[in-house]
Each structure stands twice: as structure tokens, then as C-alpha cells.
Amino acid sequence: MEGLKNELVATKGFKSTAIWLWEDIVQEAPIVSMEPLHPLSISSSLSKRESHLNLGKIFFHNVEVSHIVKGGDVVSCMVPELQPLKAEPEEIPLNIVYEDAQVLVVNKPAHMVVHPAPGNANGTLVNAILNHCQLPVCAYIDRSDSSDNEDYVNSPENTVDDFSSKFNSRKTKAFVRPGIVHRLDKGTSGLLVVAKNEHSHLHLAEQFKMHTIYRLYISLTSGVPSPGSGRIEIPIARDSNNRTRMAAISGSNISRNARYAASRYKVVEAFAAGGAALVHWRLETGRTHQIRAHSKHLGTPLLGDELYGGTKGLALSLLKARTPPSSHGHVSEMVSMLERPCLHAQSLGFKHPYSGEYMCFSCPPPDDFTEILNRLRSITNHHSRRDCKMEMSEEDALDQFAASSSKRRSSLPAN
């Protein structure tokens, strides 16, 4: 079976150009169902694929979806080209860490979405940046990048982006989010680099593709990962039981939609006799929810990450079981403060797209993260002081017993 072919054409009835795809079925090809030849990358939803048939965008001798293809058949379809994102400038404060004519490095606050999407049309980081400076609204995307470059096409709603980047020709302009080369989840705070022109976008995207970007994240986990440091090389795919969540998939369960993912981690500090930990993460790839999925795979989901099992209930059970009753009130108060996954992008390093100079930036975690960290340390210290006092009390008792025994012996008459 030959590979999918494509070309861009101006199509009557459509406001913009469209991508035409067709598949030649050779005589020696095995008998397969028509459905796998539909543009599956557009959406995982069967109803959406069928809607393309109903709109007349897929052509196959006027047959049904269930038609069995055979040698000599030709399947063709037309997919409207991805359009530029519409985002309006908004007066939203920006925490700018570095800026020049080519790049912008910002410290994104938690609870801010990076780019407009359904349900988040405004109030995003892109809206704020557009108010600060002009950004490129399109960029060339090489289809060879699509298999391992999810940093800038990297969210659940991006199936159309993925499809476009896979099938666009090398000379095709595919519209992408203005200046955005990679992204952080809404609940994640920290550093993010933005391209201010197309040249910068291309060079930064290439660095992400080649995994030469340095990224260090800090997190607080429910429990302590074991071993205390290591490398996780487990593919990530969308969770079949919850489409808003990703899952680390190993062994025979790996699906064809799983993407290679690798993370390095190190436990920096443990709290409350193993009830929680401060963990550093270095990303080798940039998959959707990569740290959150890999942390869950270790059995230690991020504190406050309700989607991946780091619930308040889990935190309470782990911490209260390892602390004295006198600390339980402090534990409950701390847990009630969890409003997001405790994850912060602390350091970011890359080569400047124009000068080639290596640049590295760091920023401390925000107040909410620091407050949880300090309270964990306080609870741990209180527990340690209590243990120390108990040990000292035992030593004092032994000393008193020894002194008493010595006094009794000295009072006995000599033989």
C-alpha cells in the first residue's frame, strides 16, 4: 500500500485552501476496512469522521464507511487547511524574565491558560503577550517534525493541528499559535519562552525537537518516589478511561497512539517520614502532562493533582499516618490550601536563535507552592523534635536509673 499523498489546492465552496489526500490500494495489499483510511488524525470521534463523509469531503465511489477496499481502489479526501488562531490583545500583567527583539521569556502564573481554546477565549498568556508585543501568526512546519515535536502542538484539542502538521507539504504554511513554541498546563507555574518572529520560532522548535532544551521542574509529591532518583522511559498516550487524562503505558498495553516519553527525577527532600517529597524533574521530551503521568506511574502523584490521583484525601491519609495527633490540625490546614498540582517550571535553557549564545534562566516557585513547602517542613520538624524529645526522655530515664542504682550500691555495708 502506498503512502498517503497530498497537495494544497484552492477548492470551490471553501473560503481557504484545503489539503487533498488520496490513497492508492495496490493489488497485493491485504483486504482492509475503509474506515482506517479515513483521516483519523482529525479526531478520535467517529461521528466527526462520518460528518466529513456527509459533507462530501471524502470520496470513495459513493460507498459506505464499512466498505471493504481492494486492489485498484482509490480513496481521496479533502481537509480544510488549519486557519490562524484569533486572539485579541488584553491588558494583563506579564512577569517578564528576559526580552530582546527575538525572544521573550516569561514566568507564567498558575491558573493561567497559555493560549485561547474552546472555553478559554480570553485571559490567556497569548492575549497578554499580544498586548505587549507583536508575534508571528504563522510558521513553516516540516512534516518530518510531527512525530516528536509535541511541545508546540501539545494539548487535547490539538488533533487538527497534529493532522495538519503530518500531511502538509514541506513548503506549506500551517498556522500555529502566535509565538508559542511550547506550553505549560493551566495549573503549572514557571518559565516559558516565546518566539517574537518566525525565524526564532523555527529555531526554538528545532531545539525542542532535538531535545536540547534544558528544563528543570520542581514538584511536591504524595509519598516519596522509590528509588530516590532515576530515569523513566515509558510511552504516554491518552487514557482510554478518561480522555482528559494521559497515561504512562508499558509492556503489551502500548497502543499505536502512544508517544515516546522520557523523564529524569531526583528526590531532593522527604517530609513527614515519607508522607510527601520535594522532587526535581528534567524533561527529555515534552509530552502532554508528562511529569504528572510519570509521577503517577511511580505511585506518587503530585500533591493537589486531582486528575492524576493526588487528591486531598490521599495527602491527608499519608501525612496523618506518619505524624503525631498534635500535628493533624496543621496537616489538615495545609491540605486545604491545595488548589492546583504542585508543579513549577523552575529553569529553562536554550541557544539564542540569532546569536547562538546559550542562555539559562531560573525563577523561584510562587507563594502558594512555597507556603505548602514551608508547612511540610514545619510539620516534619515538629515531628522530628517530638521524636528527639522522646529519645532524650528515654536517655534521661536510663541515666536516672543508673544514678539510682549507683546510689543504692554505695549505701550497702562493706563485706
Foldseek 3Di string as FASTA:
>chain_A
DDDKAWDWDCDPPDPDIKIKIKDAAAQPDDWDFQQVVQLCLLDVDPVVSVVQVVVVFKDWPPDDRRDIDHHGTMIMGIGHAADWDDAAADQDDWAWPDDDQWKTKTWFDAQAAAADDVVDRDRHVLNPVVNVAAFDFWEQAALVLLQAQCQQQAALNRSNVSSNSNHDHRPDIHTGHTQARGGDDRRETEIGMGTRYHLQSVVVSVCQSQLVKKWKKKFKWQFAFPPQWDKDWFWKDQDPVDRRDIAGDDDPRDDPRTGTWMKIKGFDAAFLVGRMTIMMMITSGHHHCRVQRVCVVSVIGFQLAVVSPNALVSSLVSNPVRADPVCSVLSNVLSVLRDGGGMYGAKIWDQRSPPRDIDMDGDDDDPSSVVSVVSRVVRRVVRVVVVVVVVVVVVVVVVVVVVVVVVVVVPDDDD
